[in-house]
Amino acid sequence: MGFYGEIILYIPYRMREEVMKIQSCVNCKRQFSWREQAKSTRNLFKYPEIECSNCREINKITIPFYILQFFVRAIPVSVLFFLLKSDISNGNRIIIFLICAAITLYIEPFLVKYKKIEK
C-alpha cells in the first residue's frame, strides 16, 4: 500500500464518509447536485443558502464552512501573488493560475455543510 493509502487508514471512519461528499437536504435527505451547490456558494458576500427542489426547504451553510469557503477562495489569489514574484514566464504563470483556480472551483461545493433554517 502506498503512502496515501496509509494516511487514509488513520482518518476515522465517520470522517471518511463526510470528506468530499456532496451534501443533501437536511429535511428530506435529497442529495444536491454539484451545480446547485456551486450556484449557492457563488456569491459569498451574502450568506449562502440553497432551496431543496423536492421539499422546498431552505438550507443555509454553517458558519465554519462559510469561513472555510473564504480561505479556499484565497488559495488561487495567493498562488497568483507568489507566481508574480517568481521568475517564470507569463504564459506559464497564467496556466498555473488557471489550473489552480479550476481545481479550487471544482472542489469548493464538496467543502460545504448545510443546516435547516428555523422559521
PDB file of N, CA and C in Angstrom:
ATOM      1  N   MET A   1       0.854  -1.181   0.000  1.00  0.00           N
ATOM      2  CA  MET A   1       0.000   0.000   0.000  1.00  0.00           C
ATOM      3  C   MET A   1       0.893   1.235   0.000  1.00  0.00           C
ATOM      4  N   GLY A   2       0.526   2.211  -0.778  1.00  0.00           N
ATOM      5  CA  GLY A   2       1.314   3.421  -0.897  1.00  0.00           C
ATOM      6  C   GLY A   2       1.159   4.353   0.291  1.00  0.00           C
ATOM      7  N   PHE A   3       1.895   5.440   0.238  1.00  0.00           N
ATOM      8  CA  PHE A   3       1.889   6.412   1.329  1.00  0.00           C
ATOM      9  C   PHE A   3       0.505   6.997   1.558  1.00  0.00           C
ATOM     10  N   TYR A   4      -0.216   7.330   0.477  1.00  0.00           N
ATOM     11  CA  TYR A   4      -1.533   7.943   0.616  1.00  0.00           C
ATOM     12  C   TYR A   4      -2.552   6.965   1.188  1.00  0.00           C
ATOM     13  N   GLY A   5      -2.415   5.681   0.867  1.00  0.00           N
ATOM     14  CA  GLY A   5      -3.298   4.678   1.435  1.00  0.00           C
ATOM     15  C   GLY A   5      -3.132   4.562   2.936  1.00  0.00           C
ATOM     16  N   GLU A   6      -1.900   4.717   3.418  1.00  0.00           N
ATOM     17  CA  GLU A   6      -1.639   4.655   4.853  1.00  0.00           C
ATOM     18  C   GLU A   6      -2.233   5.861   5.567  1.00  0.00           C
ATOM     19  N   ILE A   7      -2.207   7.020   4.926  1.00  0.00           N
ATOM     20  CA  ILE A   7      -2.802   8.211   5.536  1.00  0.00           C
ATOM     21  C   ILE A   7      -4.305   8.039   5.679  1.00  0.00           C
ATOM     22  N   ILE A   8      -4.948   7.473   4.669  1.00  0.00           N
ATOM     23  CA  ILE A   8      -6.397   7.280   4.712  1.00  0.00           C
ATOM     24  C   ILE A   8      -6.782   6.343   5.844  1.00  0.00           C
ATOM     25  N   LEU A   9      -5.927   5.363   6.162  1.00  0.00           N
ATOM     26  CA  LEU A   9      -6.234   4.434   7.250  1.00  0.00           C
ATOM     27  C   LEU A   9      -6.339   5.141   8.595  1.00  0.00           C
ATOM     28  N   TYR A  10      -5.621   6.247   8.767  1.00  0.00           N
ATOM     29  CA  TYR A  10      -5.626   6.955  10.039  1.00  0.00           C
ATOM     30  C   TYR A  10      -6.807   7.907  10.190  1.00  0.00           C
ATOM     31  N   ILE A  11      -7.550   8.157   9.128  1.00  0.00           N
ATOM     32  CA  ILE A  11      -8.728   9.023   9.205  1.00  0.00           C
ATOM     33  C   ILE A  11      -9.872   8.215   9.800  1.00  0.00           C
ATOM     34  N   PRO A  12     -10.536   8.702  10.854  1.00  0.00           N
ATOM     35  CA  PRO A  12     -11.661   7.955  11.429  1.00  0.00           C
ATOM     36  C   PRO A  12     -12.730   7.676  10.383  1.00  0.00           C
ATOM     37  N   TYR A  13     -13.432   6.544  10.542  1.00  0.00           N
ATOM     38  CA  TYR A  13     -14.397   6.084   9.551  1.00  0.00           C
ATOM     39  C   TYR A  13     -15.496   7.110   9.302  1.00  0.00           C
ATOM     40  N   ARG A  14     -16.000   7.727  10.364  1.00  0.00           N
ATOM     41  CA  ARG A  14     -17.079   8.708  10.231  1.00  0.00           C
ATOM     42  C   ARG A  14     -16.632   9.899   9.396  1.00  0.00           C
ATOM     43  N   MET A  15     -15.395  10.335   9.608  1.00  0.00           N
ATOM     44  CA  MET A  15     -14.883  11.470   8.841  1.00  0.00           C
ATOM     45  C   MET A  15     -14.672  11.096   7.383  1.00  0.00           C
ATOM     46  N   ARG A  16     -14.300   9.843   7.099  1.00  0.00           N
ATOM     47  CA  ARG A  16     -14.086   9.422   5.716  1.00  0.00           C
ATOM     48  C   ARG A  16     -15.353   9.551   4.899  1.00  0.00           C
ATOM     49  N   GLU A  17     -16.501   9.278   5.518  1.00  0.00           N
ATOM     50  CA  GLU A  17     -17.763   9.382   4.800  1.00  0.00           C
ATOM     51  C   GLU A  17     -18.125  10.821   4.482  1.00  0.00           C
ATOM     52  N   GLU A  18     -17.695  11.761   5.342  1.00  0.00           N
ATOM     53  CA  GLU A  18     -18.072  13.163   5.171  1.00  0.00           C
ATOM     54  C   GLU A  18     -17.118  13.931   4.273  1.00  0.00           C
ATOM     55  N   VAL A  19     -15.907  13.448   4.106  1.00  0.00           N
ATOM     56  CA  VAL A  19     -14.924  14.156   3.296  1.00  0.00           C
ATOM     57  C   VAL A  19     -15.281  13.990   1.823  1.00  0.00           C
ATOM     58  N   MET A  20     -15.300  15.089   1.105  1.00  0.00           N
ATOM     59  CA  MET A  20     -15.556  15.104  -0.331  1.00  0.00           C
ATOM     60  C   MET A  20     -16.886  14.439  -0.690  1.00  0.00           C
ATOM     61  N   LYS A  21     -17.937  14.843  -0.009  1.00  0.00           N
ATOM     62  CA  LYS A  21     -19.255  14.288  -0.276  1.00  0.00           C
ATOM     63  C   LYS A  21     -20.208  15.452  -0.523  1.00  0.00           C
ATOM     64  N   ILE A  22     -20.987  15.358  -1.583  1.00  0.00           N
ATOM     65  CA  ILE A  22     -21.996  16.379  -1.855  1.00  0.00           C
ATOM     66  C   ILE A  22     -23.063  16.273  -0.780  1.00  0.00           C
ATOM     67  N   GLN A  23     -23.425  17.398  -0.200  1.00  0.00           N
ATOM     68  CA  GLN A  23     -24.399  17.412   0.888  1.00  0.00           C
ATOM     69  C   GLN A  23     -25.813  17.153   0.384  1.00  0.00           C
ATOM     70  N   SER A  24     -26.675  16.792   1.317  1.00  0.00           N
ATOM     71  CA  SER A  24     -28.074  16.537   0.984  1.00  0.00           C
ATOM     72  C   SER A  24     -28.960  17.432   1.838  1.00  0.00           C
ATOM     73  N   CYS A  25     -30.232  17.498   1.481  1.00  0.00           N
ATOM     74  CA  CYS A  25     -31.201  18.316   2.210  1.00  0.00           C
ATOM     75  C   CYS A  25     -31.324  17.794   3.636  1.00  0.00           C
ATOM     76  N   VAL A  26     -31.368  18.699   4.590  1.00  0.00           N
ATOM     77  CA  VAL A  26     -31.472  18.310   5.992  1.00  0.00           C
ATOM     78  C   VAL A  26     -32.832  17.689   6.272  1.00  0.00           C
ATOM     79  N   ASN A  27     -33.854  18.128   5.562  1.00  0.00           N
ATOM     80  CA  ASN A  27     -35.222  17.682   5.816  1.00  0.00           C
ATOM     81  C   ASN A  27     -35.542  16.353   5.114  1.00  0.00           C
ATOM     82  N   CYS A  28     -35.404  16.287   3.793  1.00  0.00           N
ATOM     83  CA  CYS A  28     -35.842  15.101   3.035  1.00  0.00           C
ATOM     84  C   CYS A  28     -34.688  14.216   2.576  1.00  0.00           C
ATOM     85  N   LYS A  29     -33.455  14.614   2.839  1.00  0.00           N
ATOM     86  CA  LYS A  29     -32.246  13.842   2.503  1.00  0.00           C
ATOM     87  C   LYS A  29     -31.991  13.693   0.999  1.00  0.00           C
ATOM     88  N   ARG A  30     -32.596  14.554   0.176  1.00  0.00           N
ATOM     89  CA  ARG A  30     -32.307  14.542  -1.255  1.00  0.00           C
ATOM     90  C   ARG A  30     -30.938  15.168  -1.483  1.00  0.00           C
ATOM     91  N   GLN A  31     -30.099  14.484  -2.232  1.00  0.00           N
ATOM     92  CA  GLN A  31     -28.746  14.968  -2.459  1.00  0.00           C
ATOM     93  C   GLN A  31     -28.753  16.102  -3.474  1.00  0.00           C
ATOM     94  N   PHE A  32     -28.085  17.200  -3.127  1.00  0.00           N
ATOM     95  CA  PHE A  32     -27.979  18.332  -4.037  1.00  0.00           C
ATOM     96  C   PHE A  32     -26.986  17.998  -5.142  1.00  0.00           C
ATOM     97  N   SER A  33     -27.181  18.582  -6.297  1.00  0.00           N
ATOM     98  CA  SER A  33     -26.228  18.380  -7.386  1.00  0.00           C
ATOM     99  C   SER A  33     -25.045  19.329  -7.194  1.00  0.00           C
ATOM    100  N   TRP A  34     -23.959  19.016  -7.899  1.00  0.00           N
ATOM    101  CA  TRP A  34     -22.779  19.860  -7.809  1.00  0.00           C
ATOM    102  C   TRP A  34     -23.108  21.264  -8.299  1.00  0.00           C
ATOM    103  N   ARG A  35     -23.909  21.358  -9.358  1.00  0.00           N
ATOM    104  CA  ARG A  35     -24.274  22.652  -9.939  1.00  0.00           C
ATOM    105  C   ARG A  35     -25.099  23.492  -8.956  1.00  0.00           C
ATOM    106  N   GLU A  36     -26.049  22.865  -8.249  1.00  0.00           N
ATOM    107  CA  GLU A  36     -26.857  23.595  -7.271  1.00  0.00           C
ATOM    108  C   GLU A  36     -25.980  24.161  -6.161  1.00  0.00           C
ATOM    109  N   GLN A  37     -25.041  23.362  -5.694  1.00  0.00           N
ATOM    110  CA  GLN A  37     -24.168  23.850  -4.633  1.00  0.00           C
ATOM    111  C   GLN A  37     -23.215  24.927  -5.139  1.00  0.00           C
ATOM    112  N   ALA A  38     -22.714  24.773  -6.346  1.00  0.00           N
ATOM    113  CA  ALA A  38     -21.826  25.792  -6.903  1.00  0.00           C
ATOM    114  C   ALA A  38     -22.558  27.121  -7.059  1.00  0.00           C
ATOM    115  N   LYS A  39     -23.826  27.084  -7.484  1.00  0.00           N
ATOM    116  CA  LYS A  39     -24.606  28.312  -7.618  1.00  0.00           C
ATOM    117  C   LYS A  39     -24.889  28.941  -6.261  1.00  0.00           C
ATOM    118  N   SER A  40     -25.115  28.111  -5.240  1.00  0.00           N
ATOM    119  CA  SER A  40     -25.454  28.661  -3.923  1.00  0.00           C
ATOM    120  C   SER A  40     -24.255  29.327  -3.260  1.00  0.00           C
ATOM    121  N   THR A  41     -23.045  28.853  -3.550  1.00  0.00           N
ATOM    122  CA  THR A  41     -21.852  29.434  -2.921  1.00  0.00           C
ATOM    123  C   THR A  41     -21.121  30.400  -3.839  1.00  0.00           C
ATOM    124  N   ARG A  42     -21.719  30.747  -4.964  1.00  0.00           N
ATOM    125  CA  ARG A  42     -21.055  31.624  -5.929  1.00  0.00           C
ATOM    126  C   ARG A  42     -20.760  32.997  -5.335  1.00  0.00           C
ATOM    127  N   ASN A  43     -21.709  33.559  -4.604  1.00  0.00           N
ATOM    128  CA  ASN A  43     -21.532  34.887  -4.025  1.00  0.00           C
ATOM    129  C   ASN A  43     -21.446  34.741  -2.510  1.00  0.00           C
ATOM    130  N   LEU A  44     -20.258  34.876  -1.962  1.00  0.00           N
ATOM    131  CA  LEU A  44     -20.081  34.711  -0.516  1.00  0.00           C
ATOM    132  C   LEU A  44     -20.295  36.010   0.261  1.00  0.00           C
ATOM    133  N   PHE A  45     -20.624  37.098  -0.430  1.00  0.00           N
ATOM    134  CA  PHE A  45     -20.895  38.327   0.302  1.00  0.00           C
ATOM    135  C   PHE A  45     -22.271  38.295   0.949  1.00  0.00           C
ATOM    136  N   LYS A  46     -23.171  37.487   0.393  1.00  0.00           N
ATOM    137  CA  LYS A  46     -24.435  37.233   1.073  1.00  0.00           C
ATOM    138  C   LYS A  46     -24.350  35.829   1.646  1.00  0.00           C
ATOM    139  N   TYR A  47     -25.049  35.589   2.734  1.00  0.00           N
ATOM    140  CA  TYR A  47     -24.970  34.294   3.413  1.00  0.00           C
ATOM    141  C   TYR A  47     -25.581  33.219   2.519  1.00  0.00           C
ATOM    142  N   PRO A  48     -24.794  32.255   2.019  1.00  0.00           N
ATOM    143  CA  PRO A  48     -25.288  31.287   1.033  1.00  0.00           C
ATOM    144  C   PRO A  48     -26.398  30.384   1.567  1.00  0.00           C
ATOM    145  N   GLU A  49     -27.394  30.189   0.760  1.00  0.00           N
ATOM    146  CA  GLU A  49     -28.475  29.266   1.085  1.00  0.00           C
ATOM    147  C   GLU A  49     -28.861  28.521  -0.184  1.00  0.00           C
ATOM    148  N   ILE A  50     -29.479  27.360   0.002  1.00  0.00           N
ATOM    149  CA  ILE A  50     -29.898  26.539  -1.121  1.00  0.00           C
ATOM    150  C   ILE A  50     -31.290  26.004  -0.811  1.00  0.00           C
ATOM    151  N   GLU A  51     -32.161  26.063  -1.814  1.00  0.00           N
ATOM    152  CA  GLU A  51     -33.526  25.579  -1.640  1.00  0.00           C
ATOM    153  C   GLU A  51     -33.643  24.200  -2.259  1.00  0.00           C
ATOM    154  N   CYS A  52     -34.181  23.264  -1.487  1.00  0.00           N
ATOM    155  CA  CYS A  52     -34.382  21.901  -1.972  1.00  0.00           C
ATOM    156  C   CYS A  52     -35.527  21.900  -2.976  1.00  0.00           C
ATOM    157  N   SER A  53     -35.303  21.315  -4.140  1.00  0.00           N
ATOM    158  CA  SER A  53     -36.351  21.284  -5.161  1.00  0.00           C
ATOM    159  C   SER A  53     -37.412  20.228  -4.856  1.00  0.00           C
ATOM    160  N   ASN A  54     -37.139  19.355  -3.905  1.00  0.00           N
ATOM    161  CA  ASN A  54     -38.076  18.302  -3.553  1.00  0.00           C
ATOM    162  C   ASN A  54     -39.075  18.763  -2.485  1.00  0.00           C
ATOM    163  N   CYS A  55     -38.576  19.300  -1.363  1.00  0.00           N
ATOM    164  CA  CYS A  55     -39.460  19.685  -0.249  1.00  0.00           C
ATOM    165  C   CYS A  55     -39.554  21.196  -0.053  1.00  0.00           C
ATOM    166  N   ARG A  56     -38.849  21.982  -0.836  1.00  0.00           N
ATOM    167  CA  ARG A  56     -38.835  23.453  -0.780  1.00  0.00           C
ATOM    168  C   ARG A  56     -38.303  23.994   0.558  1.00  0.00           C
ATOM    169  N   GLU A  57     -37.518  23.185   1.239  1.00  0.00           N
ATOM    170  CA  GLU A  57     -36.901  23.610   2.493  1.00  0.00           C
ATOM    171  C   GLU A  57     -35.645  24.415   2.153  1.00  0.00           C
ATOM    172  N   ILE A  58     -35.410  25.499   2.884  1.00  0.00           N
ATOM    173  CA  ILE A  58     -34.227  26.326   2.652  1.00  0.00           C
ATOM    174  C   ILE A  58     -33.141  25.895   3.631  1.00  0.00           C
ATOM    175  N   ASN A  59     -31.987  25.569   3.090  1.00  0.00           N
ATOM    176  CA  ASN A  59     -30.829  25.165   3.887  1.00  0.00           C
ATOM    177  C   ASN A  59     -29.769  26.242   3.766  1.00  0.00           C
ATOM    178  N   LYS A  60     -29.135  26.582   4.892  1.00  0.00           N
ATOM    179  CA  LYS A  60     -28.056  27.572   4.885  1.00  0.00           C
ATOM    180  C   LYS A  60     -26.748  26.896   5.241  1.00  0.00           C
ATOM    181  N   ILE A  61     -25.667  27.458   4.741  1.00  0.00           N
ATOM    182  CA  ILE A  61     -24.338  26.948   5.023  1.00  0.00           C
ATOM    183  C   ILE A  61     -23.995  27.249   6.485  1.00  0.00           C
ATOM    184  N   THR A  62     -23.304  26.332   7.151  1.00  0.00           N
ATOM    185  CA  THR A  62     -22.917  26.555   8.545  1.00  0.00           C
ATOM    186  C   THR A  62     -21.751  27.545   8.595  1.00  0.00           C
ATOM    187  N   ILE A  63     -21.610  28.209   9.717  1.00  0.00           N
ATOM    188  CA  ILE A  63     -20.593  29.265   9.867  1.00  0.00           C
ATOM    189  C   ILE A  63     -19.167  28.749   9.644  1.00  0.00           C
ATOM    190  N   PRO A  64     -18.751  27.620  10.240  1.00  0.00           N
ATOM    191  CA  PRO A  64     -17.368  27.179   9.996  1.00  0.00           C
ATOM    192  C   PRO A  64     -17.079  26.901   8.521  1.00  0.00           C
ATOM    193  N   PHE A  65     -18.039  26.347   7.813  1.00  0.00           N
ATOM    194  CA  PHE A  65     -17.825  26.070   6.396  1.00  0.00           C
ATOM    195  C   PHE A  65     -17.929  27.341   5.561  1.00  0.00           C
ATOM    196  N   TYR A  66     -18.658  28.327   6.043  1.00  0.00           N
ATOM    197  CA  TYR A  66     -18.717  29.640   5.389  1.00  0.00           C
ATOM    198  C   TYR A  66     -17.337  30.295   5.444  1.00  0.00           C
ATOM    199  N   ILE A  67     -16.696  30.207   6.605  1.00  0.00           N
ATOM    200  CA  ILE A  67     -15.345  30.758   6.767  1.00  0.00           C
ATOM    201  C   ILE A  67     -14.347  29.964   5.933  1.00  0.00           C
ATOM    202  N   LEU A  68     -14.518  28.628   5.906  1.00  0.00           N
ATOM    203  CA  LEU A  68     -13.633  27.789   5.107  1.00  0.00           C
ATOM    204  C   LEU A  68     -13.699  28.171   3.635  1.00  0.00           C
ATOM    205  N   GLN A  69     -14.885  28.536   3.151  1.00  0.00           N
ATOM    206  CA  GLN A  69     -15.035  28.939   1.751  1.00  0.00           C
ATOM    207  C   GLN A  69     -14.178  30.167   1.432  1.00  0.00           C
ATOM    208  N   PHE A  70     -14.111  31.120   2.376  1.00  0.00           N
ATOM    209  CA  PHE A  70     -13.266  32.298   2.153  1.00  0.00           C
ATOM    210  C   PHE A  70     -11.801  31.906   2.018  1.00  0.00           C
ATOM    211  N   PHE A  71     -11.336  31.009   2.887  1.00  0.00           N
ATOM    212  CA  PHE A  71      -9.939  30.596   2.829  1.00  0.00           C
ATOM    213  C   PHE A  71      -9.639  29.789   1.567  1.00  0.00           C
ATOM    214  N   VAL A  72     -10.569  28.959   1.143  1.00  0.00           N
ATOM    215  CA  VAL A  72     -10.366  28.176  -0.076  1.00  0.00           C
ATOM    216  C   VAL A  72     -10.290  29.106  -1.282  1.00  0.00           C
ATOM    217  N   ARG A  73     -11.123  30.140  -1.293  1.00  0.00           N
ATOM    218  CA  ARG A  73     -11.081  31.089  -2.422  1.00  0.00           C
ATOM    219  C   ARG A  73      -9.838  31.953  -2.409  1.00  0.00           C
ATOM    220  N   ALA A  74      -9.160  32.027  -1.284  1.00  0.00           N
ATOM    221  CA  ALA A  74      -7.928  32.814  -1.211  1.00  0.00           C
ATOM    222  C   ALA A  74      -6.733  32.053  -1.781  1.00  0.00           C
ATOM    223  N   ILE A  75      -6.862  30.752  -1.957  1.00  0.00           N
ATOM    224  CA  ILE A  75      -5.738  29.945  -2.450  1.00  0.00           C
ATOM    225  C   ILE A  75      -5.282  30.394  -3.840  1.00  0.00           C
ATOM    226  N   PRO A  76      -6.172  30.516  -4.848  1.00  0.00           N
ATOM    227  CA  PRO A  76      -5.678  30.954  -6.164  1.00  0.00           C
ATOM    228  C   PRO A  76      -5.089  32.364  -6.146  1.00  0.00           C
ATOM    229  N   VAL A  77      -5.631  33.232  -5.302  1.00  0.00           N
ATOM    230  CA  VAL A  77      -5.096  34.601  -5.215  1.00  0.00           C
ATOM    231  C   VAL A  77      -3.683  34.579  -4.648  1.00  0.00           C
ATOM    232  N   SER A  78      -3.467  33.776  -3.604  1.00  0.00           N
ATOM    233  CA  SER A  78      -2.122  33.693  -3.031  1.00  0.00           C
ATOM    234  C   SER A  78      -1.149  33.013  -3.994  1.00  0.00           C
ATOM    235  N   VAL A  79      -1.623  32.023  -4.750  1.00  0.00           N
ATOM    236  CA  VAL A  79      -0.771  31.390  -5.753  1.00  0.00           C
ATOM    237  C   VAL A  79      -0.378  32.406  -6.816  1.00  0.00           C
ATOM    238  N   LEU A  80      -1.335  33.207  -7.252  1.00  0.00           N
ATOM    239  CA  LEU A  80      -1.034  34.239  -8.246  1.00  0.00           C
ATOM    240  C   LEU A  80      -0.013  35.244  -7.704  1.00  0.00           C
ATOM    241  N   PHE A  81      -0.151  35.614  -6.443  1.00  0.00           N
ATOM    242  CA  PHE A  81       0.798  36.556  -5.832  1.00  0.00           C
ATOM    243  C   PHE A  81       2.214  35.987  -5.871  1.00  0.00           C
ATOM    244  N   PHE A  82       2.365  34.714  -5.476  1.00  0.00           N
ATOM    245  CA  PHE A  82       3.700  34.111  -5.479  1.00  0.00           C
ATOM    246  C   PHE A  82       4.218  33.872  -6.897  1.00  0.00           C
ATOM    247  N   LEU A  83       3.313  33.616  -7.836  1.00  0.00           N
ATOM    248  CA  LEU A  83       3.754  33.452  -9.215  1.00  0.00           C
ATOM    249  C   LEU A  83       4.253  34.763  -9.803  1.00  0.00           C
ATOM    250  N   LEU A  84       3.626  35.872  -9.416  1.00  0.00           N
ATOM    251  CA  LEU A  84       4.081  37.165  -9.914  1.00  0.00           C
ATOM    252  C   LEU A  84       5.449  37.528  -9.363  1.00  0.00           C
ATOM    253  N   LYS A  85       5.761  37.044  -8.158  1.00  0.00           N
ATOM    254  CA  LYS A  85       7.071  37.304  -7.558  1.00  0.00           C
ATOM    255  C   LYS A  85       8.159  36.384  -8.117  1.00  0.00           C
ATOM    256  N   SER A  86       7.769  35.255  -8.698  1.00  0.00           N
ATOM    257  CA  SER A  86       8.761  34.282  -9.162  1.00  0.00           C
ATOM    258  C   SER A  86       9.280  34.637 -10.559  1.00  0.00           C
ATOM    259  N   ASP A  87      10.290  33.916 -10.961  1.00  0.00           N
ATOM    260  CA  ASP A  87      10.931  34.157 -12.255  1.00  0.00           C
ATOM    261  C   ASP A  87      10.457  33.108 -13.263  1.00  0.00           C
ATOM    262  N   ILE A  88       9.157  33.150 -13.580  1.00  0.00           N
ATOM    263  CA  ILE A  88       8.547  32.221 -14.529  1.00  0.00           C
ATOM    264  C   ILE A  88       7.957  33.059 -15.663  1.00  0.00           C
ATOM    265  N   SER A  89       7.915  32.476 -16.854  1.00  0.00           N
ATOM    266  CA  SER A  89       7.356  33.222 -17.985  1.00  0.00           C
ATOM    267  C   SER A  89       5.858  33.477 -17.771  1.00  0.00           C
ATOM    268  N   ASN A  90       5.350  34.503 -18.422  1.00  0.00           N
ATOM    269  CA  ASN A  90       3.949  34.896 -18.241  1.00  0.00           C
ATOM    270  C   ASN A  90       2.973  33.811 -18.669  1.00  0.00           C
ATOM    271  N   GLY A  91       3.279  33.103 -19.732  1.00  0.00           N
ATOM    272  CA  GLY A  91       2.408  32.031 -20.193  1.00  0.00           C
ATOM    273  C   GLY A  91       2.275  30.923 -19.154  1.00  0.00           C
ATOM    274  N   ASN A  92       3.409  30.550 -18.551  1.00  0.00           N
ATOM    275  CA  ASN A  92       3.371  29.519 -17.508  1.00  0.00           C
ATOM    276  C   ASN A  92       2.644  30.013 -16.263  1.00  0.00           C
ATOM    277  N   ARG A  93       2.794  31.277 -15.926  1.00  0.00           N
ATOM    278  CA  ARG A  93       2.066  31.840 -14.774  1.00  0.00           C
ATOM    279  C   ARG A  93       0.558  31.725 -14.976  1.00  0.00           C
ATOM    280  N   ILE A  94       0.113  32.089 -16.164  1.00  0.00           N
ATOM    281  CA  ILE A  94      -1.328  32.048 -16.454  1.00  0.00           C
ATOM    282  C   ILE A  94      -1.852  30.615 -16.399  1.00  0.00           C
ATOM    283  N   ILE A  95      -1.092  29.688 -16.971  1.00  0.00           N
ATOM    284  CA  ILE A  95      -1.522  28.291 -16.980  1.00  0.00           C
ATOM    285  C   ILE A  95      -1.601  27.739 -15.559  1.00  0.00           C
ATOM    286  N   ILE A  96      -0.585  27.988 -14.755  1.00  0.00           N
ATOM    287  CA  ILE A  96      -0.583  27.502 -13.366  1.00  0.00           C
ATOM    288  C   ILE A  96      -1.731  28.120 -12.583  1.00  0.00           C
ATOM    289  N   PHE A  97      -1.961  29.416 -12.755  1.00  0.00           N
ATOM    290  CA  PHE A  97      -3.058  30.076 -12.040  1.00  0.00           C
ATOM    291  C   PHE A  97      -4.408  29.510 -12.465  1.00  0.00           C
ATOM    292  N   LEU A  98      -4.622  29.315 -13.765  1.00  0.00           N
ATOM    293  CA  LEU A  98      -5.903  28.789 -14.240  1.00  0.00           C
ATOM    294  C   LEU A  98      -6.152  27.363 -13.751  1.00  0.00           C
ATOM    295  N   ILE A  99      -5.111  26.551 -13.713  1.00  0.00           N
ATOM    296  CA  ILE A  99      -5.260  25.190 -13.191  1.00  0.00           C
ATOM    297  C   ILE A  99      -5.613  25.222 -11.712  1.00  0.00           C
ATOM    298  N   CYS A 100      -4.940  26.068 -10.956  1.00  0.00           N
ATOM    299  CA  CYS A 100      -5.223  26.194  -9.521  1.00  0.00           C
ATOM    300  C   CYS A 100      -6.644  26.705  -9.291  1.00  0.00           C
ATOM    301  N   ALA A 101      -7.062  27.690 -10.059  1.00  0.00           N
ATOM    302  CA  ALA A 101      -8.415  28.234  -9.915  1.00  0.00           C
ATOM    303  C   ALA A 101      -9.469  27.200 -10.293  1.00  0.00           C
ATOM    304  N   ALA A 102      -9.227  26.435 -11.355  1.00  0.00           N
ATOM    305  CA  ALA A 102     -10.192  25.410 -11.777  1.00  0.00           C
ATOM    306  C   ALA A 102     -10.336  24.321 -10.730  1.00  0.00           C
ATOM    307  N   ILE A 103      -9.237  23.875 -10.167  1.00  0.00           N
ATOM    308  CA  ILE A 103      -9.292  22.853  -9.116  1.00  0.00           C
ATOM    309  C   ILE A 103     -10.030  23.379  -7.898  1.00  0.00           C
ATOM    310  N   THR A 104      -9.762  24.615  -7.531  1.00  0.00           N
ATOM    311  CA  THR A 104     -10.430  25.214  -6.371  1.00  0.00           C
ATOM    312  C   THR A 104     -11.931  25.328  -6.606  1.00  0.00           C
ATOM    313  N   LEU A 105     -12.328  25.784  -7.790  1.00  0.00           N
ATOM    314  CA  LEU A 105     -13.757  25.914  -8.080  1.00  0.00           C
ATOM    315  C   LEU A 105     -14.456  24.563  -8.149  1.00  0.00           C
ATOM    316  N   TYR A 106     -13.732  23.541  -8.580  1.00  0.00           N
ATOM    317  CA  TYR A 106     -14.337  22.209  -8.633  1.00  0.00           C
ATOM    318  C   TYR A 106     -14.517  21.619  -7.232  1.00  0.00           C
ATOM    319  N   ILE A 107     -13.551  21.823  -6.355  1.00  0.00           N
ATOM    320  CA  ILE A 107     -13.583  21.225  -5.015  1.00  0.00           C
ATOM    321  C   ILE A 107     -14.513  21.982  -4.067  1.00  0.00           C
ATOM    322  N   GLU A 108     -14.718  23.265  -4.278  1.00  0.00           N
ATOM    323  CA  GLU A 108     -15.492  24.099  -3.351  1.00  0.00           C
ATOM    324  C   GLU A 108     -16.848  23.528  -2.936  1.00  0.00           C
ATOM    325  N   PRO A 109     -17.703  23.082  -3.854  1.00  0.00           N
ATOM    326  CA  PRO A 109     -19.012  22.577  -3.425  1.00  0.00           C
ATOM    327  C   PRO A 109     -18.947  21.343  -2.531  1.00  0.00           C
ATOM    328  N   PHE A 110     -17.842  20.617  -2.567  1.00  0.00           N
ATOM    329  CA  PHE A 110     -17.705  19.456  -1.702  1.00  0.00           C
ATOM    330  C   PHE A 110     -17.364  19.849  -0.263  1.00  0.00           C
ATOM    331  N   LEU A 111     -16.903  21.061  -0.061  1.00  0.00           N
ATOM    332  CA  LEU A 111     -16.473  21.518   1.259  1.00  0.00           C
ATOM    333  C   LEU A 111     -17.547  22.342   1.961  1.00  0.00           C
ATOM    334  N   VAL A 112     -18.800  21.972   1.787  1.00  0.00           N
ATOM    335  CA  VAL A 112     -19.898  22.747   2.349  1.00  0.00           C
ATOM    336  C   VAL A 112     -20.789  21.822   3.174  1.00  0.00           C
ATOM    337  N   LYS A 113     -21.268  22.337   4.284  1.00  0.00           N
ATOM    338  CA  LYS A 113     -22.242  21.612   5.086  1.00  0.00           C
ATOM    339  C   LYS A 113     -23.386  22.562   5.378  1.00  0.00           C
ATOM    340  N   TYR A 114     -24.621  22.074   5.254  1.00  0.00           N
ATOM    341  CA  TYR A 114     -25.802  22.914   5.417  1.00  0.00           C
ATOM    342  C   TYR A 114     -26.548  22.582   6.706  1.00  0.00           C
ATOM    343  N   LYS A 115     -27.331  23.568   7.161  1.00  0.00           N
ATOM    344  CA  LYS A 115     -28.230  23.351   8.289  1.00  0.00           C
ATOM    345  C   LYS A 115     -29.608  23.892   7.894  1.00  0.00           C
ATOM    346  N   LYS A 116     -30.627  23.389   8.559  1.00  0.00           N
ATOM    347  CA  LYS A 116     -32.015  23.793   8.281  1.00  0.00           C
ATOM    348  C   LYS A 116     -32.283  25.150   8.925  1.00  0.00           C
ATOM    349  N   ILE A 117     -33.026  26.002   8.216  1.00  0.00           N
ATOM    350  CA  ILE A 117     -33.403  27.313   8.757  1.00  0.00           C
ATOM    351  C   ILE A 117     -34.696  27.147   9.554  1.00  0.00           C
ATOM    352  N   GLU A 118     -34.641  27.586  10.788  1.00  0.00           N
ATOM    353  CA  GLU A 118     -35.845  27.574  11.624  1.00  0.00           C
ATOM    354  C   GLU A 118     -36.628  28.838  11.371  1.00  0.00           C
ATOM    355  N   LYS A 119     -37.899  28.689  11.031  1.00  0.00           N
ATOM    356  CA  LYS A 119     -38.737  29.869  10.712  1.00  0.00           C
ATOM    357  C   LYS A 119     -39.524  30.306  11.912  1.00  0.00           C
TER     358      LYS A 119
END
